Amino acid sequence: MKHFYLIANPSKHDAVQVAEQITRYLRRRGAVCEGSAQEKRREGAAYGYTDKNRIPEDTQCVITLGGDGTLIQAARDLVDLQIPMIGVNMGNLGYLTQVARGEALSPMLEALLKDNFRLEKRMMLEGLVVREDGGTPWGTACSESQFDGEKDKVDFLKQGIALNDIVLTRKDVMQVLKFQVYVNGELLNEYTADGMIVATPTGSTAYNLSAGGPVVTPGAELIVLTPICPHSVNSRSIILSNHDEIGIRVMENMGQKQMAVFDGDQVIDLDGSEQLKIRESKKKTSLIQLKSVPFLVHIQEKLARV
């Protein structure tokens, strides 16, 4: 690789300075390196933190400086470009980043320059809010053409993409939610809970893990449903195929507001006339892997620090 782009999270200590160090190193080795600091999310913007139109067309690798959140935000903003990414951890745990805080940067940079790495494709989820009067009744699975057709009918804030998870949760009032979950048009269960996490294998170590859900190896092709604080001893995580489509219908909640949250960042408000539909996205995130440490060993090392 010879063409790099850096994305630094300015809220992380020393992120901008480390970006300058990386830029100088790569340029001394004859590579092209450009970059920018993440912007603050702007309401109504067509991107979250990084404008994909600023990324040079010949970019071969995006290096993020921050934590897992910085990498995930960049993955969502730049998903249409399908550029391989690697993260330098400037925060705490960093499940997704390849270089730990304080670790030497030169081995990573030399590996990238010499193409000494492997690419790991990570599945993503796409979510769509559909109104009942929009031609898609409750409990009806969308065909691929219908799903894409419905996306054409809604504005930007009514759809989203996620690398980790899409979460249905309450808004403002501390009351439980009542909702129904459908799989491929068939009713799976009716829940009374604080919400529902729909996670990818990548997201299994995020909110899903905190809520008692299973850890999944990143190469698996599946979707994890984990209820949040369910009011039932029998409510456990459910593993679905990556080909399944999930529909979540919020029932009457005494005027309570609820929302869908994409990767803990993008928020879509939901009312009683809307349904959240979720399926695997056709787009994937390509993460650069340098280390040969097995996934379960890597997770064990991370969790030991908690």
C-alpha atoms as a PDB file:
ATOM      1  CA  MET A   1       0.000   0.000   0.000  1.00  0.00           C
ATOM      2  CA  LYS A   2       1.142   3.500  -0.835  1.00  0.00           C
ATOM      3  CA  HIS A   3      -1.952   5.704  -0.432  1.00  0.00           C
ATOM      4  CA  PHE A   4      -3.300   6.311   3.075  1.00  0.00           C
ATOM      5  CA  TYR A   5      -5.924   8.486   4.722  1.00  0.00           C
ATOM      6  CA  LEU A   6      -5.972   9.247   8.455  1.00  0.00           C
ATOM      7  CA  ILE A   7      -9.072   9.987  10.517  1.00  0.00           C
ATOM      8  CA  ALA A   8      -8.334  11.290  14.005  1.00  0.00           C
ATOM      9  CA  ASN A   9     -10.804  11.711  16.836  1.00  0.00           C
ATOM     10  CA  PRO A  10      -9.866  15.146  18.260  1.00  0.00           C
ATOM     11  CA  SER A  11     -11.500  14.320  21.597  1.00  0.00           C
ATOM     12  CA  LYS A  12      -8.917  11.586  22.240  1.00  0.00           C
ATOM     13  CA  HIS A  13      -5.734  12.665  23.974  1.00  0.00           C
ATOM     14  CA  ASP A  14      -2.753  12.912  21.601  1.00  0.00           C
ATOM     15  CA  ALA A  15      -4.755  11.644  18.578  1.00  0.00           C
ATOM     16  CA  VAL A  16      -3.856  14.645  16.422  1.00  0.00           C
ATOM     17  CA  GLN A  17      -0.174  14.452  17.434  1.00  0.00           C
ATOM     18  CA  VAL A  18      -0.037  10.726  16.644  1.00  0.00           C
ATOM     19  CA  ALA A  19      -1.617  11.468  13.249  1.00  0.00           C
ATOM     20  CA  GLU A  20       1.226  13.888  12.531  1.00  0.00           C
ATOM     21  CA  GLN A  21       3.799  11.245  13.512  1.00  0.00           C
ATOM     22  CA  ILE A  22       2.210   8.667  11.204  1.00  0.00           C
ATOM     23  CA  THR A  23       2.026  11.158   8.343  1.00  0.00           C
ATOM     24  CA  ARG A  24       5.724  12.037   8.638  1.00  0.00           C
ATOM     25  CA  TYR A  25       6.721   8.355   8.837  1.00  0.00           C
ATOM     26  CA  LEU A  26       4.725   7.297   5.790  1.00  0.00           C
ATOM     27  CA  ARG A  27       5.852  10.236   3.679  1.00  0.00           C
ATOM     28  CA  ARG A  28       9.510   9.520   4.515  1.00  0.00           C
ATOM     29  CA  ARG A  29       8.895   6.011   3.170  1.00  0.00           C
ATOM     30  CA  GLY A  30       7.594   7.403  -0.114  1.00  0.00           C
ATOM     31  CA  ALA A  31       3.873   6.915   0.598  1.00  0.00           C
ATOM     32  CA  VAL A  32       1.040   9.397   0.151  1.00  0.00           C
ATOM     33  CA  CYS A  33      -0.735  10.235   3.397  1.00  0.00           C
ATOM     34  CA  GLU A  34      -3.573  12.691   3.866  1.00  0.00           C
ATOM     35  CA  GLY A  35      -6.162  13.059   6.562  1.00  0.00           C
ATOM     36  CA  SER A  36      -8.501  15.076   8.718  1.00  0.00           C
ATOM     37  CA  ALA A  37      -9.990  15.255  12.178  1.00  0.00           C
ATOM     38  CA  GLN A  38     -13.510  13.965  12.647  1.00  0.00           C
ATOM     39  CA  GLU A  39     -16.185  16.629  12.598  1.00  0.00           C
ATOM     40  CA  LYS A  40     -18.945  17.049  15.129  1.00  0.00           C
ATOM     41  CA  ARG A  41     -22.172  15.395  13.943  1.00  0.00           C
ATOM     42  CA  ARG A  42     -24.383  17.938  12.193  1.00  0.00           C
ATOM     43  CA  GLU A  43     -28.134  17.507  12.054  1.00  0.00           C
ATOM     44  CA  GLY A  44     -29.317  16.835   8.508  1.00  0.00           C
ATOM     45  CA  ALA A  45     -25.828  16.147   7.124  1.00  0.00           C
ATOM     46  CA  ALA A  46     -25.477  13.255   4.688  1.00  0.00           C
ATOM     47  CA  TYR A  47     -22.736  11.752   6.866  1.00  0.00           C
ATOM     48  CA  GLY A  48     -21.937  11.391  10.539  1.00  0.00           C
ATOM     49  CA  TYR A  49     -18.354  12.524  11.145  1.00  0.00           C
ATOM     50  CA  THR A  50     -16.362  12.077   7.930  1.00  0.00           C
ATOM     51  CA  ASP A  51     -17.410  13.263   4.478  1.00  0.00           C
ATOM     52  CA  LYS A  52     -16.664  10.491   1.996  1.00  0.00           C
ATOM     53  CA  ASN A  53     -16.254  13.088  -0.762  1.00  0.00           C
ATOM     54  CA  ARG A  54     -13.036  14.249   0.888  1.00  0.00           C
ATOM     55  CA  ILE A  55     -11.380  10.849   0.554  1.00  0.00           C
ATOM     56  CA  PRO A  56      -9.044  10.705  -2.485  1.00  0.00           C
ATOM     57  CA  GLU A  57     -10.097   8.128  -5.072  1.00  0.00           C
ATOM     58  CA  ASP A  58      -6.747   6.315  -4.924  1.00  0.00           C
ATOM     59  CA  THR A  59      -6.887   5.745  -1.155  1.00  0.00           C
ATOM     60  CA  GLN A  60      -5.942   2.138  -0.333  1.00  0.00           C
ATOM     61  CA  CYS A  61      -6.188   2.232   3.449  1.00  0.00           C
ATOM     62  CA  VAL A  62      -7.955   4.293   6.114  1.00  0.00           C
ATOM     63  CA  ILE A  63      -6.235   4.520   9.505  1.00  0.00           C
ATOM     64  CA  THR A  64      -8.400   5.674  12.402  1.00  0.00           C
ATOM     65  CA  LEU A  65      -6.992   7.169  15.597  1.00  0.00           C
ATOM     66  CA  GLY A  66      -9.341   6.920  18.558  1.00  0.00           C
ATOM     67  CA  GLY A  67     -11.151   3.856  19.832  1.00  0.00           C
ATOM     68  CA  ASP A  68     -13.640   1.309  18.566  1.00  0.00           C
ATOM     69  CA  GLY A  69     -16.233   4.079  18.246  1.00  0.00           C
ATOM     70  CA  THR A  70     -13.991   6.092  15.922  1.00  0.00           C
ATOM     71  CA  LEU A  71     -13.419   3.054  13.706  1.00  0.00           C
ATOM     72  CA  ILE A  72     -17.125   2.177  13.633  1.00  0.00           C
ATOM     73  CA  GLN A  73     -18.118   5.753  12.765  1.00  0.00           C
ATOM     74  CA  ALA A  74     -15.620   5.806   9.905  1.00  0.00           C
ATOM     75  CA  ALA A  75     -16.835   2.408   8.673  1.00  0.00           C
ATOM     76  CA  ARG A  76     -20.426   3.675   8.505  1.00  0.00           C
ATOM     77  CA  ASP A  77     -19.549   6.995   6.877  1.00  0.00           C
ATOM     78  CA  LEU A  78     -17.279   5.428   4.244  1.00  0.00           C
ATOM     79  CA  VAL A  79     -19.128   2.157   3.665  1.00  0.00           C
ATOM     80  CA  ASP A  80     -19.872   3.031   0.028  1.00  0.00           C
ATOM     81  CA  LEU A  81     -16.140   3.384  -0.708  1.00  0.00           C
ATOM     82  CA  GLN A  82     -15.282  -0.132   0.576  1.00  0.00           C
ATOM     83  CA  ILE A  83     -11.758   0.887   1.640  1.00  0.00           C
ATOM     84  CA  PRO A  84      -9.876  -1.415   4.061  1.00  0.00           C
ATOM     85  CA  MET A  85      -9.531   0.062   7.561  1.00  0.00           C
ATOM     86  CA  ILE A  86      -7.287  -0.317  10.568  1.00  0.00           C
ATOM     87  CA  GLY A  87      -7.557   1.347  13.967  1.00  0.00           C
ATOM     88  CA  VAL A  88      -5.037   2.682  16.466  1.00  0.00           C
ATOM     89  CA  ASN A  89      -6.504   2.617  19.954  1.00  0.00           C
ATOM     90  CA  MET A  90      -6.300   5.902  21.845  1.00  0.00           C
ATOM     91  CA  GLY A  91      -8.937   4.843  24.364  1.00  0.00           C
ATOM     92  CA  ASN A  92      -9.501   1.876  26.670  1.00  0.00           C
ATOM     93  CA  LEU A  93     -10.366  -1.690  25.572  1.00  0.00           C
ATOM     94  CA  GLY A  94     -10.390  -1.475  21.791  1.00  0.00           C
ATOM     95  CA  TYR A  95     -11.797  -4.813  20.597  1.00  0.00           C
ATOM     96  CA  LEU A  96     -11.552  -3.776  16.936  1.00  0.00           C
ATOM     97  CA  THR A  97      -8.359  -1.729  16.867  1.00  0.00           C
ATOM     98  CA  GLN A  98      -5.076  -3.467  15.991  1.00  0.00           C
ATOM     99  CA  VAL A  99      -2.590  -1.258  17.844  1.00  0.00           C
ATOM    100  CA  ALA A 100      -2.938  -0.695  21.581  1.00  0.00           C
ATOM    101  CA  ARG A 101      -2.471   2.623  23.306  1.00  0.00           C
ATOM    102  CA  GLY A 102       1.252   3.330  23.729  1.00  0.00           C
ATOM    103  CA  GLU A 103       2.284   0.497  21.399  1.00  0.00           C
ATOM    104  CA  ALA A 104       4.949   1.206  18.768  1.00  0.00           C
ATOM    105  CA  LEU A 105       3.475   2.310  15.445  1.00  0.00           C
ATOM    106  CA  SER A 106       6.352   1.423  13.110  1.00  0.00           C
ATOM    107  CA  PRO A 107       5.615  -2.364  12.941  1.00  0.00           C
ATOM    108  CA  MET A 108       2.037  -1.614  11.862  1.00  0.00           C
ATOM    109  CA  LEU A 109       3.110   0.953   9.286  1.00  0.00           C
ATOM    110  CA  GLU A 110       5.817  -1.294   7.839  1.00  0.00           C
ATOM    111  CA  ALA A 111       3.337  -4.167   7.543  1.00  0.00           C
ATOM    112  CA  LEU A 112       0.928  -1.920   5.656  1.00  0.00           C
ATOM    113  CA  LEU A 113       3.631  -0.619   3.336  1.00  0.00           C
ATOM    114  CA  LYS A 114       4.759  -4.175   2.546  1.00  0.00           C
ATOM    115  CA  ASP A 115       1.193  -5.561   2.219  1.00  0.00           C
ATOM    116  CA  ASN A 116       1.923  -7.962   5.074  1.00  0.00           C
ATOM    117  CA  PHE A 117      -1.605  -8.366   6.415  1.00  0.00           C
ATOM    118  CA  ARG A 118      -4.918 -10.107   5.814  1.00  0.00           C
ATOM    119  CA  LEU A 119      -8.369  -8.654   5.230  1.00  0.00           C
ATOM    120  CA  GLU A 120     -11.346  -9.672   7.311  1.00  0.00           C
ATOM    121  CA  LYS A 121     -14.828  -8.949   5.968  1.00  0.00           C
ATOM    122  CA  ARG A 122     -17.342  -8.008   8.664  1.00  0.00           C
ATOM    123  CA  MET A 123     -21.083  -8.181   8.032  1.00  0.00           C
ATOM    124  CA  MET A 124     -23.247  -5.128   8.643  1.00  0.00           C
ATOM    125  CA  LEU A 125     -26.947  -4.587   9.308  1.00  0.00           C
ATOM    126  CA  GLU A 126     -29.307  -2.163   7.646  1.00  0.00           C
ATOM    127  CA  GLY A 127     -32.427  -0.909   9.335  1.00  0.00           C
ATOM    128  CA  LEU A 128     -35.507   0.740   7.893  1.00  0.00           C
ATOM    129  CA  VAL A 129     -38.489   2.376   9.566  1.00  0.00           C
ATOM    130  CA  VAL A 130     -41.732   1.556   7.756  1.00  0.00           C
ATOM    131  CA  ARG A 131     -45.185   2.982   8.414  1.00  0.00           C
ATOM    132  CA  GLU A 132     -48.138   0.611   8.590  1.00  0.00           C
ATOM    133  CA  ASP A 133     -50.019   2.736   6.066  1.00  0.00           C
ATOM    134  CA  GLY A 134     -47.040   2.551   3.702  1.00  0.00           C
ATOM    135  CA  GLY A 135     -48.116  -0.777   2.247  1.00  0.00           C
ATOM    136  CA  THR A 136     -46.122  -3.049   4.565  1.00  0.00           C
ATOM    137  CA  PRO A 137     -48.421  -4.520   7.253  1.00  0.00           C
ATOM    138  CA  TRP A 138     -47.158  -5.907  10.539  1.00  0.00           C
ATOM    139  CA  GLY A 139     -45.756  -9.386  10.328  1.00  0.00           C
ATOM    140  CA  THR A 140     -45.025  -9.191   6.617  1.00  0.00           C
ATOM    141  CA  ALA A 141     -41.486  -9.898   5.469  1.00  0.00           C
ATOM    142  CA  CYS A 142     -40.172  -7.669   2.707  1.00  0.00           C
ATOM    143  CA  SER A 143     -38.737  -9.224  -0.402  1.00  0.00           C
ATOM    144  CA  GLU A 144     -35.405  -7.764  -1.464  1.00  0.00           C
ATOM    145  CA  SER A 145     -37.046  -5.530  -4.054  1.00  0.00           C
ATOM    146  CA  GLN A 146     -39.731  -4.427  -1.585  1.00  0.00           C
ATOM    147  CA  PHE A 147     -37.161  -3.652   1.096  1.00  0.00           C
ATOM    148  CA  ASP A 148     -35.115  -1.549  -1.298  1.00  0.00           C
ATOM    149  CA  GLY A 149     -38.292   0.021  -2.657  1.00  0.00           C
ATOM    150  CA  GLU A 150     -39.410   1.071   0.801  1.00  0.00           C
ATOM    151  CA  LYS A 151     -36.017   2.714   1.345  1.00  0.00           C
ATOM    152  CA  ASP A 152     -36.690   4.940  -1.639  1.00  0.00           C
ATOM    153  CA  LYS A 153     -39.851   6.262   0.029  1.00  0.00           C
ATOM    154  CA  VAL A 154     -38.240   7.502   3.253  1.00  0.00           C
ATOM    155  CA  ASP A 155     -35.809  10.282   4.065  1.00  0.00           C
ATOM    156  CA  PHE A 156     -32.210   9.819   5.222  1.00  0.00           C
ATOM    157  CA  LEU A 157     -33.073   9.864   8.921  1.00  0.00           C
ATOM    158  CA  LYS A 158     -35.479   6.920   8.539  1.00  0.00           C
ATOM    159  CA  GLN A 159     -32.817   4.403   7.585  1.00  0.00           C
ATOM    160  CA  GLY A 160     -29.357   3.508   8.735  1.00  0.00           C
ATOM    161  CA  ILE A 161     -26.527   1.009   8.674  1.00  0.00           C
ATOM    162  CA  ALA A 162     -24.634  -0.564  11.557  1.00  0.00           C
ATOM    163  CA  LEU A 163     -21.443  -2.541  12.051  1.00  0.00           C
ATOM    164  CA  ASN A 164     -22.138  -3.450  15.694  1.00  0.00           C
ATOM    165  CA  ASP A 165     -25.842  -3.343  16.411  1.00  0.00           C
ATOM    166  CA  ILE A 166     -29.242  -1.761  16.016  1.00  0.00           C
ATOM    167  CA  VAL A 167     -30.999  -1.275  19.358  1.00  0.00           C
ATOM    168  CA  LEU A 168     -34.640  -0.612  20.107  1.00  0.00           C
ATOM    169  CA  THR A 169     -34.859   1.263  23.400  1.00  0.00           C
ATOM    170  CA  ARG A 170     -37.049   3.692  25.298  1.00  0.00           C
ATOM    171  CA  LYS A 171     -36.636   7.441  25.186  1.00  0.00           C
ATOM    172  CA  ASP A 172     -36.855   9.827  28.155  1.00  0.00           C
ATOM    173  CA  VAL A 173     -39.264   7.970  30.460  1.00  0.00           C
ATOM    174  CA  MET A 174     -37.951   5.091  32.612  1.00  0.00           C
ATOM    175  CA  GLN A 175     -40.689   2.607  31.769  1.00  0.00           C
ATOM    176  CA  VAL A 176     -40.544  -0.794  30.137  1.00  0.00           C
ATOM    177  CA  LEU A 177     -41.480  -1.272  26.506  1.00  0.00           C
ATOM    178  CA  LYS A 178     -43.946  -3.729  25.041  1.00  0.00           C
ATOM    179  CA  PHE A 179     -43.094  -4.909  21.549  1.00  0.00           C
ATOM    180  CA  GLN A 180     -43.427  -7.828  19.161  1.00  0.00           C
ATOM    181  CA  VAL A 181     -40.589  -9.381  17.193  1.00  0.00           C
ATOM    182  CA  TYR A 182     -41.225 -11.004  13.812  1.00  0.00           C
ATOM    183  CA  VAL A 183     -38.813 -13.181  11.835  1.00  0.00           C
ATOM    184  CA  ASN A 184     -39.507 -13.497   8.120  1.00  0.00           C
ATOM    185  CA  GLY A 185     -43.074 -12.371   8.705  1.00  0.00           C
ATOM    186  CA  GLU A 186     -43.809 -14.855  11.493  1.00  0.00           C
ATOM    187  CA  LEU A 187     -44.347 -13.730  15.083  1.00  0.00           C
ATOM    188  CA  LEU A 188     -41.398 -14.875  17.198  1.00  0.00           C
ATOM    189  CA  ASN A 189     -42.336 -13.474  20.594  1.00  0.00           C
ATOM    190  CA  GLU A 190     -43.931 -10.610  22.473  1.00  0.00           C
ATOM    191  CA  TYR A 191     -41.607  -8.898  24.929  1.00  0.00           C
ATOM    192  CA  THR A 192     -41.905  -6.692  27.969  1.00  0.00           C
ATOM    193  CA  ALA A 193     -38.388  -5.337  28.399  1.00  0.00           C
ATOM    194  CA  ASP A 194     -36.197  -2.257  28.331  1.00  0.00           C
ATOM    195  CA  GLY A 195     -35.479  -2.911  24.672  1.00  0.00           C
ATOM    196  CA  MET A 196     -33.961  -5.299  22.120  1.00  0.00           C
ATOM    197  CA  ILE A 197     -30.427  -5.557  20.731  1.00  0.00           C
ATOM    198  CA  VAL A 198     -29.990  -6.829  17.170  1.00  0.00           C
ATOM    199  CA  ALA A 199     -26.264  -7.485  16.833  1.00  0.00           C
ATOM    200  CA  THR A 200     -23.754  -8.691  14.272  1.00  0.00           C
ATOM    201  CA  PRO A 201     -20.906 -11.042  15.246  1.00  0.00           C
ATOM    202  CA  THR A 202     -18.698  -7.945  15.467  1.00  0.00           C
ATOM    203  CA  GLY A 203     -21.198  -6.324  17.824  1.00  0.00           C
ATOM    204  CA  SER A 204     -21.477  -9.410  20.025  1.00  0.00           C
ATOM    205  CA  THR A 205     -18.696  -8.019  22.248  1.00  0.00           C
ATOM    206  CA  ALA A 206     -20.399  -4.636  22.637  1.00  0.00           C
ATOM    207  CA  TYR A 207     -23.816  -3.903  24.196  1.00  0.00           C
ATOM    208  CA  ASN A 208     -24.885  -7.490  23.506  1.00  0.00           C
ATOM    209  CA  LEU A 209     -22.164  -8.814  25.823  1.00  0.00           C
ATOM    210  CA  SER A 210     -23.094  -6.356  28.574  1.00  0.00           C
ATOM    211  CA  ALA A 211     -26.725  -7.492  28.321  1.00  0.00           C
ATOM    212  CA  GLY A 212     -25.769 -11.138  28.796  1.00  0.00           C
ATOM    213  CA  GLY A 213     -25.667 -12.143  25.142  1.00  0.00           C
ATOM    214  CA  PRO A 214     -23.209 -14.637  23.609  1.00  0.00           C
ATOM    215  CA  VAL A 215     -19.779 -13.823  22.212  1.00  0.00           C
ATOM    216  CA  VAL A 216     -19.608 -14.760  18.520  1.00  0.00           C
ATOM    217  CA  THR A 217     -16.522 -15.201  16.365  1.00  0.00           C
ATOM    218  CA  PRO A 218     -16.366 -12.365  13.804  1.00  0.00           C
ATOM    219  CA  GLY A 219     -16.299 -14.692  10.796  1.00  0.00           C
ATOM    220  CA  ALA A 220     -19.697 -16.179  11.613  1.00  0.00           C
ATOM    221  CA  GLU A 221     -22.669 -15.255   9.445  1.00  0.00           C
ATOM    222  CA  LEU A 222     -25.563 -14.773  11.835  1.00  0.00           C
ATOM    223  CA  ILE A 223     -27.652 -12.243  13.743  1.00  0.00           C
ATOM    224  CA  VAL A 224     -28.039 -12.167  17.525  1.00  0.00           C
ATOM    225  CA  LEU A 225     -31.237 -10.996  19.244  1.00  0.00           C
ATOM    226  CA  THR A 226     -30.759 -10.117  22.912  1.00  0.00           C
ATOM    227  CA  PRO A 227     -33.552  -8.580  25.000  1.00  0.00           C
ATOM    228  CA  ILE A 228     -32.519  -5.841  27.447  1.00  0.00           C
ATOM    229  CA  CYS A 229     -33.632  -6.535  31.034  1.00  0.00           C
ATOM    230  CA  PRO A 230     -36.646  -8.670  30.011  1.00  0.00           C
ATOM    231  CA  HIS A 231     -39.475  -9.169  32.499  1.00  0.00           C
ATOM    232  CA  SER A 232     -39.329 -12.935  32.075  1.00  0.00           C
ATOM    233  CA  VAL A 233     -36.883 -15.576  33.278  1.00  0.00           C
ATOM    234  CA  ASN A 234     -37.320 -17.420  29.984  1.00  0.00           C
ATOM    235  CA  SER A 235     -36.212 -14.571  27.698  1.00  0.00           C
ATOM    236  CA  ARG A 236     -32.772 -15.407  26.362  1.00  0.00           C
ATOM    237  CA  SER A 237     -30.702 -14.482  23.344  1.00  0.00           C
ATOM    238  CA  ILE A 238     -31.785 -16.008  20.032  1.00  0.00           C
ATOM    239  CA  ILE A 239     -29.423 -16.744  17.147  1.00  0.00           C
ATOM    240  CA  LEU A 240     -30.786 -16.239  13.630  1.00  0.00           C
ATOM    241  CA  SER A 241     -29.428 -16.823  10.171  1.00  0.00           C
ATOM    242  CA  ASN A 242     -27.913 -13.853   8.370  1.00  0.00           C
ATOM    243  CA  HIS A 243     -30.592 -14.406   5.710  1.00  0.00           C
ATOM    244  CA  ASP A 244     -33.437 -13.748   8.153  1.00  0.00           C
ATOM    245  CA  GLU A 245     -35.323 -10.462   8.256  1.00  0.00           C
ATOM    246  CA  ILE A 246     -36.367  -9.078  11.621  1.00  0.00           C
ATOM    247  CA  GLY A 247     -39.396  -6.890  12.173  1.00  0.00           C
ATOM    248  CA  ILE A 248     -40.014  -5.106  15.488  1.00  0.00           C
ATOM    249  CA  ARG A 249     -43.419  -3.605  16.200  1.00  0.00           C
ATOM    250  CA  VAL A 250     -43.765  -1.351  19.229  1.00  0.00           C
ATOM    251  CA  MET A 251     -47.106  -1.842  20.955  1.00  0.00           C
ATOM    252  CA  GLU A 252     -49.068   0.662  23.024  1.00  0.00           C
ATOM    253  CA  ASN A 253     -46.746   2.089  25.657  1.00  0.00           C
ATOM    254  CA  MET A 254     -48.938   4.690  27.392  1.00  0.00           C
ATOM    255  CA  GLY A 255     -47.654   7.512  25.254  1.00  0.00           C
ATOM    256  CA  GLN A 256     -44.042   6.581  25.926  1.00  0.00           C
ATOM    257  CA  LYS A 257     -41.509   7.389  23.220  1.00  0.00           C
ATOM    258  CA  GLN A 258     -39.039   4.878  21.830  1.00  0.00           C
ATOM    259  CA  MET A 259     -36.157   4.969  19.379  1.00  0.00           C
ATOM    260  CA  ALA A 260     -33.878   2.863  17.212  1.00  0.00           C
ATOM    261  CA  VAL A 261     -30.167   3.491  17.782  1.00  0.00           C
ATOM    262  CA  PHE A 262     -27.575   2.519  15.170  1.00  0.00           C
ATOM    263  CA  ASP A 263     -24.138   1.686  16.627  1.00  0.00           C
ATOM    264  CA  GLY A 264     -24.882   3.845  19.650  1.00  0.00           C
ATOM    265  CA  ASP A 265     -24.831   6.940  17.472  1.00  0.00           C
ATOM    266  CA  GLN A 266     -27.546   7.578  14.887  1.00  0.00           C
ATOM    267  CA  VAL A 267     -30.996   7.803  16.470  1.00  0.00           C
ATOM    268  CA  ILE A 268     -34.385   7.338  14.774  1.00  0.00           C
ATOM    269  CA  ASP A 269     -37.524   8.067  16.785  1.00  0.00           C
ATOM    270  CA  LEU A 270     -40.358   5.551  16.488  1.00  0.00           C
ATOM    271  CA  ASP A 271     -44.070   5.869  17.153  1.00  0.00           C
ATOM    272  CA  GLY A 272     -46.862   3.316  17.402  1.00  0.00           C
ATOM    273  CA  SER A 273     -47.621   3.433  13.671  1.00  0.00           C
ATOM    274  CA  GLU A 274     -44.104   2.430  12.633  1.00  0.00           C
ATOM    275  CA  GLN A 275     -42.189  -0.812  12.435  1.00  0.00           C
ATOM    276  CA  LEU A 276     -38.437  -1.321  12.444  1.00  0.00           C
ATOM    277  CA  LYS A 277     -37.210  -3.788   9.815  1.00  0.00           C
ATOM    278  CA  ILE A 278     -33.665  -5.117   9.972  1.00  0.00           C
ATOM    279  CA  ARG A 279     -31.670  -7.377   7.678  1.00  0.00           C
ATOM    280  CA  GLU A 280     -28.091  -8.071   6.661  1.00  0.00           C
ATOM    281  CA  SER A 281     -26.639  -5.342   4.461  1.00  0.00           C
ATOM    282  CA  LYS A 282     -25.099  -6.128   1.101  1.00  0.00           C
ATOM    283  CA  LYS A 283     -22.205  -3.894   2.160  1.00  0.00           C
ATOM    284  CA  LYS A 284     -19.406  -5.062   4.422  1.00  0.00           C
ATOM    285  CA  THR A 285     -16.587  -3.495   6.380  1.00  0.00           C
ATOM    286  CA  SER A 286     -13.063  -4.649   5.503  1.00  0.00           C
ATOM    287  CA  LEU A 287     -10.808  -4.663   8.577  1.00  0.00           C
ATOM    288  CA  ILE A 288      -7.056  -5.105   8.252  1.00  0.00           C
ATOM    289  CA  GLN A 289      -5.693  -7.777  10.567  1.00  0.00           C
ATOM    290  CA  LEU A 290      -1.996  -7.818  11.442  1.00  0.00           C
ATOM    291  CA  LYS A 291      -1.841 -10.172  14.396  1.00  0.00           C
ATOM    292  CA  SER A 292      -2.264 -13.936  14.308  1.00  0.00           C
ATOM    293  CA  VAL A 293      -3.696 -14.133  17.839  1.00  0.00           C
ATOM    294  CA  PRO A 294      -6.859 -16.319  17.816  1.00  0.00           C
ATOM    295  CA  PHE A 295     -10.076 -14.384  18.368  1.00  0.00           C
ATOM    296  CA  LEU A 296     -11.015 -16.113  21.630  1.00  0.00           C
ATOM    297  CA  VAL A 297      -7.538 -15.519  23.081  1.00  0.00           C
ATOM    298  CA  HIS A 298      -7.773 -11.869  22.042  1.00  0.00           C
ATOM    299  CA  ILE A 299     -11.164 -11.515  23.739  1.00  0.00           C
ATOM    300  CA  GLN A 300      -9.922 -13.239  26.875  1.00  0.00           C
ATOM    301  CA  GLU A 301      -7.025 -10.782  27.093  1.00  0.00           C
ATOM    302  CA  LYS A 302      -9.354  -7.808  26.663  1.00  0.00           C
ATOM    303  CA  LEU A 303     -11.912  -8.999  29.207  1.00  0.00           C
ATOM    304  CA  ALA A 304      -9.158  -9.655  31.751  1.00  0.00           C
ATOM    305  CA  ARG A 305      -8.531  -5.904  31.815  1.00  0.00           C
ATOM    306  CA  VAL A 306     -12.133  -4.988  32.649  1.00  0.00           C
END
